[in-house]
Protein backbone atom coordinates (compact mmCIF):
# COMPACT_ATOMS: atom_id res chain seq x y z
CA MET A 1 0.03 -0.02 -0.02
CA ASN A 2 2.70 2.49 0.95
CA ASN A 3 4.89 1.64 -2.02
CA LEU A 4 1.84 2.11 -4.33
CA GLY A 5 1.13 5.35 -2.72
CA PHE A 6 4.73 6.43 -3.40
CA CYS A 7 4.34 5.46 -7.10
CA TYR A 8 1.22 7.73 -7.50
CA ASP A 9 2.86 10.53 -5.34
CA THR A 10 6.01 10.63 -7.61
CA GLY A 11 4.62 9.46 -10.92
CA THR A 12 6.86 6.33 -10.93
CA GLY A 13 5.49 3.84 -13.50
CA THR A 14 2.14 5.70 -13.56
CA ALA A 15 0.57 9.10 -13.82
CA PHE A 16 0.78 11.57 -10.86
CA ASP A 17 -2.26 11.23 -8.74
CA GLU A 18 -2.21 12.99 -5.37
CA GLU A 19 -5.52 11.65 -4.27
CA LYS A 20 -4.56 8.10 -5.13
CA ALA A 21 -1.27 8.59 -3.26
CA PHE A 22 -3.09 9.87 -0.17
CA GLU A 23 -5.54 7.06 -0.29
CA PHE A 24 -2.87 4.21 -0.19
CA TYR A 25 -0.84 5.98 2.36
CA GLN A 26 -3.93 6.12 4.51
CA LYS A 27 -4.47 2.33 3.95
CA ALA A 28 -0.95 1.56 4.73
CA ALA A 29 -1.18 3.76 8.10
CA GLU A 30 -4.34 2.03 9.07
CA LEU A 31 -2.59 -1.38 8.69
CA GLY A 32 0.20 -0.13 11.08
CA ASN A 33 2.84 0.61 8.52
CA PHE A 34 5.04 3.34 10.01
CA LYS A 35 6.31 4.53 6.66
CA GLY A 36 2.71 4.90 5.48
CA MET A 37 2.15 6.90 8.64
CA VAL A 38 5.11 9.21 7.97
CA ASN A 39 4.22 9.83 4.32
CA LEU A 40 0.43 10.37 5.25
CA GLY A 41 1.54 12.96 7.82
CA TRP A 42 3.52 14.69 5.12
CA CYS A 43 0.42 14.70 2.92
CA TYR A 44 -1.56 16.48 5.66
CA TYR A 45 1.38 18.98 5.98
CA GLU A 46 1.62 19.78 2.29
CA GLY A 47 -2.07 19.40 1.44
CA ILE A 48 -1.25 16.44 -1.01
CA GLY A 49 -4.54 14.78 -1.77
CA THR A 50 -6.23 16.30 1.18
CA ASN A 51 -6.57 19.59 3.10
CA ILE A 52 -3.66 20.89 5.09
CA ASN A 53 -3.98 19.73 8.66
CA GLU A 54 -0.82 20.13 10.87
CA GLU A 55 -2.38 18.71 14.00
CA LYS A 56 -2.97 15.39 12.00
CA THR A 57 0.84 15.62 10.87
CA PHE A 58 1.88 15.92 14.29
CA GLU A 59 -0.47 13.08 15.40
CA LEU A 60 0.80 10.70 12.70
CA TYR A 61 4.41 11.33 13.42
CA GLN A 62 3.88 10.64 17.08
CA LYS A 63 2.16 7.42 16.16
CA ALA A 64 5.12 6.38 13.88
CA VAL A 65 7.55 7.18 16.72
CA ASP A 66 5.59 4.91 19.05
CA LEU A 67 6.08 2.10 16.50
CA GLY A 68 9.80 2.73 16.40
CA SER A 69 10.08 4.61 13.18
CA LEU A 70 13.47 6.27 12.74
CA TYR A 71 12.11 8.91 10.28
CA GLY A 72 9.13 9.29 12.67
CA ILE A 73 11.51 10.31 15.48
CA SER A 74 13.33 12.90 13.21
CA ASN A 75 10.00 14.40 11.89
CA LEU A 76 8.55 14.55 15.26
CA GLY A 77 11.53 16.62 16.34
CA TRP A 78 10.93 18.82 13.35
CA CYS A 79 7.35 19.37 14.53
CA TYR A 80 8.52 20.43 18.12
CA ASN A 81 11.23 22.54 16.46
CA LYS A 82 8.97 24.54 14.12
CA GLY A 83 5.63 24.33 16.03
CA ILE A 84 3.89 22.09 13.47
CA GLY A 85 0.68 20.86 15.03
CA THR A 86 1.90 21.61 18.54
CA GLU A 87 3.78 24.27 20.43
CA ILE A 88 7.41 24.97 19.89
CA ASN A 89 9.61 23.12 22.25
CA LYS A 90 13.25 23.25 21.51
CA GLN A 91 14.17 20.96 24.19
CA LYS A 92 11.96 18.17 22.98
CA ALA A 93 13.23 18.91 19.49
CA PHE A 94 16.64 18.48 20.53
CA GLU A 95 16.13 15.21 22.38
CA LEU A 96 14.39 13.73 19.44
CA TYR A 97 17.01 14.96 16.92
CA GLN A 98 19.74 13.61 19.33
CA LYS A 99 17.89 10.18 19.40
CA ALA A 100 17.54 9.88 15.67
CA ALA A 101 20.90 11.21 14.95
CA ASN A 102 22.50 8.50 17.29
CA LEU A 103 20.59 5.98 15.24
CA GLU A 104 22.28 7.24 12.09
CA ASN A 105 19.49 9.34 10.65
CA ASP A 106 21.22 11.74 8.24
CA ILE A 107 18.42 14.42 8.37
CA ALA A 108 18.39 14.34 12.02
CA GLN A 109 22.15 14.73 12.18
CA TYR A 110 21.80 17.77 9.86
CA CYS A 111 19.05 19.37 12.07
CA LEU A 112 20.96 18.59 15.25
CA ALA A 113 24.11 20.31 13.72
CA LEU A 114 22.23 23.26 12.76
CA MET A 115 20.87 23.72 16.22
CA TYR A 116 24.44 23.56 17.49
CA GLU A 117 25.71 25.91 14.85
CA ILE A 118 23.41 28.79 15.49
CA GLY A 119 22.65 27.95 19.14
CA ASP A 120 18.92 27.33 18.55
CA GLY A 121 17.44 26.47 21.94
CA ILE A 122 20.63 24.96 23.15
CA GLU A 123 24.23 26.26 23.88
CA LYS A 124 26.09 27.13 20.63
CA ASP A 125 28.85 24.64 20.03
CA ILE A 126 30.68 24.87 16.67
CA ASP A 127 32.71 21.70 17.34
CA GLN A 128 29.42 19.66 18.02
CA ALA A 129 27.94 21.17 14.79
CA ILE A 130 31.07 20.04 12.67
CA TYR A 131 30.89 16.60 14.20
CA TRP A 132 27.32 16.12 13.27
CA TYR A 133 27.56 17.72 9.88
CA LYS A 134 30.40 15.28 9.08
CA LYS A 135 28.27 12.32 10.28
CA SER A 136 25.49 13.44 7.94
CA ALA A 137 27.78 14.37 5.15
CA ALA A 138 29.31 10.95 5.33
CA GLN A 139 25.96 9.46 4.46
CA GLY A 140 25.63 11.64 1.53
CA HIS A 141 23.42 14.50 2.74
CA GLN A 142 24.07 17.33 0.44
CA SER A 143 23.20 20.31 2.71
CA SER A 144 25.45 18.92 5.31
CA LYS A 145 28.35 18.72 2.78
CA ASN A 146 27.58 22.33 1.86
CA LYS A 147 27.64 23.42 5.46
CA LEU A 148 30.74 21.55 6.23
CA LYS A 149 32.57 23.00 3.22
CA LYS A 150 31.75 26.57 4.25
CA ILE A 151 32.76 26.20 7.86
CA LEU A 152 35.96 24.20 7.25
CA ALA A 153 36.98 26.74 4.53
CA GLN A 154 36.85 29.55 7.17
CA ILE A 155 38.83 27.51 9.76
CA ASN A 156 41.42 26.29 7.19
CA LEU A 157 42.08 29.76 5.65
CA ALA A 158 42.71 31.02 9.23
CA ASN A 159 45.07 28.20 10.05
CA GLU A 160 47.03 28.55 6.79
CA HIS A 161 47.93 32.08 7.56
CA LEU A 162 48.66 31.37 11.25
CA TYR A 163 50.41 27.97 11.17
CA GLY A 164 51.12 27.38 7.52
CA LYS A 165 54.42 27.93 5.54
CA GLU A 166 56.05 31.25 6.24
CA ILE A 167 55.67 32.25 2.46
CA ASN A 168 51.85 31.80 2.65
CA LYS A 169 51.38 33.65 6.08
CA ASN A 170 49.62 37.01 6.35
CA HIS A 171 49.75 37.98 10.05
CA ASN A 172 47.24 40.79 9.85
CA LEU A 173 44.76 38.40 7.96
CA ALA A 174 45.39 35.57 10.38
CA PHE A 175 44.47 37.89 13.29
CA LYS A 176 41.36 39.10 11.45
CA LEU A 177 40.09 35.65 10.58
CA SER A 178 40.86 34.34 13.93
CA ASN A 179 38.95 37.13 15.56
CA LYS A 180 35.94 36.49 13.11
CA LEU A 181 35.99 32.85 14.17
CA ALA A 182 36.01 33.79 17.96
CA GLU A 183 33.15 36.40 17.40
CA GLU A 184 31.06 33.47 15.94
CA GLU A 185 32.12 31.47 19.03
CA TYR A 186 34.16 28.80 17.36
CA ALA A 187 36.35 27.12 19.93
CA CYS A 188 39.20 26.93 17.50
CA GLY A 189 38.77 30.68 16.89
CA PHE A 190 39.37 31.38 20.62
CA ASN A 191 42.41 29.19 20.55
CA ASN A 192 43.84 30.75 17.27
CA LEU A 193 43.20 34.25 18.77
CA GLY A 194 44.91 33.27 22.00
CA PHE A 195 47.94 32.13 19.82
CA CYS A 196 47.84 35.62 18.04
CA TYR A 197 48.10 37.49 21.39
CA LEU A 198 50.63 35.23 22.77
CA ASN A 199 53.06 35.72 19.77
CA GLY A 200 51.99 39.19 18.71
CA ILE A 201 50.64 37.87 15.36
CA GLY A 202 48.69 40.78 13.79
CA THR A 203 48.38 42.53 17.11
CA ASP A 204 50.25 43.58 20.23
CA PHE A 205 51.69 40.92 22.62
CA ASN A 206 49.10 40.40 25.47
CA ASP A 207 49.72 37.36 27.80
CA GLU A 208 46.45 38.08 29.83
CA LYS A 209 44.37 38.21 26.63
CA ALA A 210 45.95 34.91 25.49
CA PHE A 211 45.19 33.25 28.72
CA GLU A 212 41.68 34.45 28.76
CA LEU A 213 41.11 33.22 25.17
CA TYR A 214 42.76 29.84 25.73
CA GLN A 215 40.41 29.46 28.82
CA LYS A 216 37.34 30.22 26.61
CA ALA A 217 38.54 27.48 24.06
CA ALA A 218 39.02 25.03 26.88
CA ASP A 219 35.71 25.78 28.38
CA LEU A 220 34.22 24.79 25.04
CA GLY A 221 35.96 21.45 25.03
CA ASN A 222 38.77 22.47 22.42
CA PHE A 223 41.59 20.24 23.30
CA LYS A 224 44.38 22.36 21.81
CA GLY A 225 43.12 25.28 23.88
CA THR A 226 43.04 22.92 26.87
CA ILE A 227 46.79 21.95 26.33
CA ASN A 228 47.74 25.69 25.74
CA LEU A 229 45.87 26.75 28.88
CA GLY A 230 47.81 24.10 30.76
CA TRP A 231 51.14 25.52 29.37
CA CYS A 232 50.10 28.91 30.54
CA TYR A 233 49.65 27.65 34.05
CA TYR A 234 53.07 25.86 33.84
CA GLU A 235 55.00 28.90 32.59
CA GLY A 236 52.88 31.67 34.36
CA VAL A 237 51.60 33.13 31.12
CA GLY A 238 48.87 35.64 31.98
CA THR A 239 48.27 33.88 35.33
CA ASP A 240 50.07 32.59 38.39
CA ILE A 241 52.09 29.34 37.90
CA CYS A 242 50.16 26.25 39.02
CA GLU A 243 51.54 22.88 38.05
CA GLU A 244 48.51 21.17 39.49
CA LYS A 245 46.24 22.94 37.07
CA THR A 246 48.71 22.09 34.28
CA PHE A 247 48.41 18.37 35.18
CA GLU A 248 44.60 18.67 35.55
CA LEU A 249 44.31 20.18 32.00
CA TYR A 250 46.55 17.80 30.24
CA GLN A 251 44.69 15.05 31.79
CA LYS A 252 41.43 16.59 30.51
CA ALA A 253 42.94 16.88 27.00
CA ALA A 254 44.04 13.27 27.09
CA GLU A 255 40.60 12.04 28.13
CA LEU A 256 39.34 14.12 25.09
CA GLY A 257 41.63 11.91 22.81
CA SER A 258 44.17 14.50 22.17
CA LEU A 259 47.54 13.05 21.09
CA ASN A 260 49.47 15.94 22.37
CA GLY A 261 47.43 15.69 25.58
CA ILE A 262 48.47 12.12 26.06
CA PHE A 263 52.00 13.08 25.48
CA CYS A 264 51.87 15.92 27.96
CA LEU A 265 50.25 13.82 30.59
CA GLY A 266 53.13 11.46 30.18
CA TRP A 267 55.53 14.22 30.53
CA CYS A 268 53.85 15.30 33.92
CA TYR A 269 54.39 11.81 35.29
CA ASN A 270 57.96 11.68 33.95
CA GLU A 271 58.99 15.00 35.46
CA GLY A 272 56.56 15.21 38.47
CA ILE A 273 54.66 18.26 37.28
CA GLY A 274 51.54 18.70 39.30
CA THR A 275 51.75 15.00 40.55
CA GLU A 276 54.16 12.63 41.93
CA VAL A 277 56.85 11.07 39.43
CA ASN A 278 55.49 7.81 38.09
CA GLU A 279 57.82 6.35 35.36
CA GLN A 280 55.50 3.59 34.65
CA LYS A 281 52.63 5.81 33.82
CA ALA A 282 54.91 7.91 31.89
CA LEU A 283 56.05 4.99 29.78
CA GLU A 284 52.62 3.80 29.17
CA LEU A 285 51.51 7.20 28.03
CA TYR A 286 54.54 7.88 25.88
CA GLN A 287 54.02 4.47 24.35
CA LYS A 288 50.35 5.17 23.60
CA ALA A 289 51.21 8.71 22.05
CA ALA A 290 54.14 7.14 20.08
CA THR A 291 52.01 4.33 18.71
CA LEU A 292 49.46 6.87 17.63
CA GLY A 293 52.04 8.72 15.73
CA SER A 294 53.37 11.63 18.08
CA ASP A 295 57.11 12.29 17.03
CA ILE A 296 57.70 13.91 20.28
CA ALA A 297 56.48 10.91 22.32
CA GLN A 298 58.51 8.68 19.89
CA TYR A 299 61.68 10.68 20.71
CA ASP A 300 61.02 10.58 24.51
CA LEU A 301 60.31 6.86 24.48
CA ALA A 302 63.43 6.22 22.46
CA ALA A 303 65.39 8.19 25.07
CA MET A 304 63.85 6.16 27.97
CA TYR A 305 64.92 2.99 26.15
CA GLU A 306 68.33 4.43 25.32
CA ILE A 307 69.33 5.16 28.84
CA GLY A 308 67.11 2.62 30.65
CA GLU A 309 64.96 5.33 32.44
CA GLY A 310 62.26 3.49 34.35
CA ILE A 311 62.53 0.52 32.01
CA LYS A 312 65.11 -1.99 31.06
CA GLN A 313 67.65 -0.42 28.71
CA ASP A 314 66.95 -1.59 25.05
CA ILE A 315 69.11 -0.11 22.31
CA ASP A 316 67.04 -1.89 19.65
CA GLN A 317 63.91 -0.33 20.79
CA ALA A 318 65.62 3.00 21.21
CA ILE A 319 66.75 2.97 17.52
CA TYR A 320 63.28 1.86 16.41
CA TRP A 321 61.57 4.73 17.98
CA TYR A 322 64.21 7.35 16.99
CA LYS A 323 63.73 6.19 13.42
CA LYS A 324 59.92 6.51 13.73
CA SER A 325 60.38 9.93 15.16
CA ALA A 326 62.98 11.15 12.56
CA ALA A 327 60.58 9.82 9.74
CA SER A 328 58.01 12.24 11.08
CA GLY A 329 60.52 15.04 10.72
CA ASN A 330 61.70 15.30 14.40
CA GLN A 331 65.14 16.82 14.07
CA SER A 332 66.20 15.97 17.45
CA ALA A 333 65.66 12.25 16.62
CA GLN A 334 67.55 12.58 13.38
CA GLU A 335 70.48 14.06 15.26
CA LYS A 336 70.41 11.26 17.83
CA LEU A 337 70.63 8.58 15.09
CA GLU A 338 73.52 10.45 13.52
CA GLU A 339 75.23 10.54 17.08
CA LEU A 340 74.82 6.85 17.66
CA LEU A 341 76.38 6.22 14.16
CA LYS A 342 79.38 8.38 15.12
CA VAL A 343 80.04 6.94 18.66
CA GLY A 344 80.35 3.45 17.23
CA ILE A 345 78.02 0.47 17.75
CA ASP A 346 78.04 -3.08 16.56
CA ASP A 347 77.35 -3.83 13.03
CA THR A 348 73.95 -5.28 13.61
CA LEU A 349 72.78 -2.07 15.29
CA HIS A 350 74.51 0.02 12.61
CA SER A 351 72.51 -1.69 9.85
CA LYS A 352 69.21 -1.02 11.78
CA ILE A 353 69.93 2.65 11.98
CA ILE A 354 70.77 3.08 8.20
CA LEU A 355 68.00 0.96 6.76
């Protein structure tokens, strides 16, 4: 019944007939078919083969949800978001979009991302918006692809002028673009702007402003901002030195999945920054970050193996991790390998270095 209604609705294999489409969707709905209910609800909303009746739209979407329809959940969220057949309730809309999005509904993912992007009934969160646009775009949702392209173009342009090759940098433009992102409450914008104030890029040096902006980025869950804020507490940049806060922030960044956060937390355990020295924990964290591709962690792990710091000395492992780090462009690791060649080691280890 539902499929035949769709054929009449779209003119697939037959002539368009809105009244017939409505009739078959209604029959499908009466038989408990949730797709038929969703389509019938849309007919009442658009006036396809019947009079417009938004209350019936809401009622049918609610019934489809009760039967477990994924599109019903998304569409009911839309009703609450726009006030279709019911009063506007942004919290209910958010909850329903979230539920459908977690069940991989691309439309709900797009709608959820949009709520996060503009702060529609919820706290604005660009990182969450990007996350859900990416999820939706990965399923082929074109509007999500367009949104994602626009947002990432802004971020990438700012990053290129801030962190890219020197020949491509324009410091004044980097500051302007970072400031614009911050004004739109992008967490990465706060972090980038903090970097500008810290280093006098396109503006005057201002440690206090840098600290303030890193704090805002960290508050929004930006792991780069969290790490930079931890460094401010360690060095006393724009605030008093507090190694306990440094440890706490690096731990938070590590929990957020930050590769640098994992390494920095290992460094805290290795050096006793804001916590007691724990070489075993340091080793575990360096190992984790090194395995995930951190060239700095690879270097430090190699150094631990070379001198036997907290672990059994193992020159083979030291060379292995120095090579991994050097391959990632770490100059210190490259120099270490050259140093090992110069001081003289047995032929087997020599071959491992030069291969």
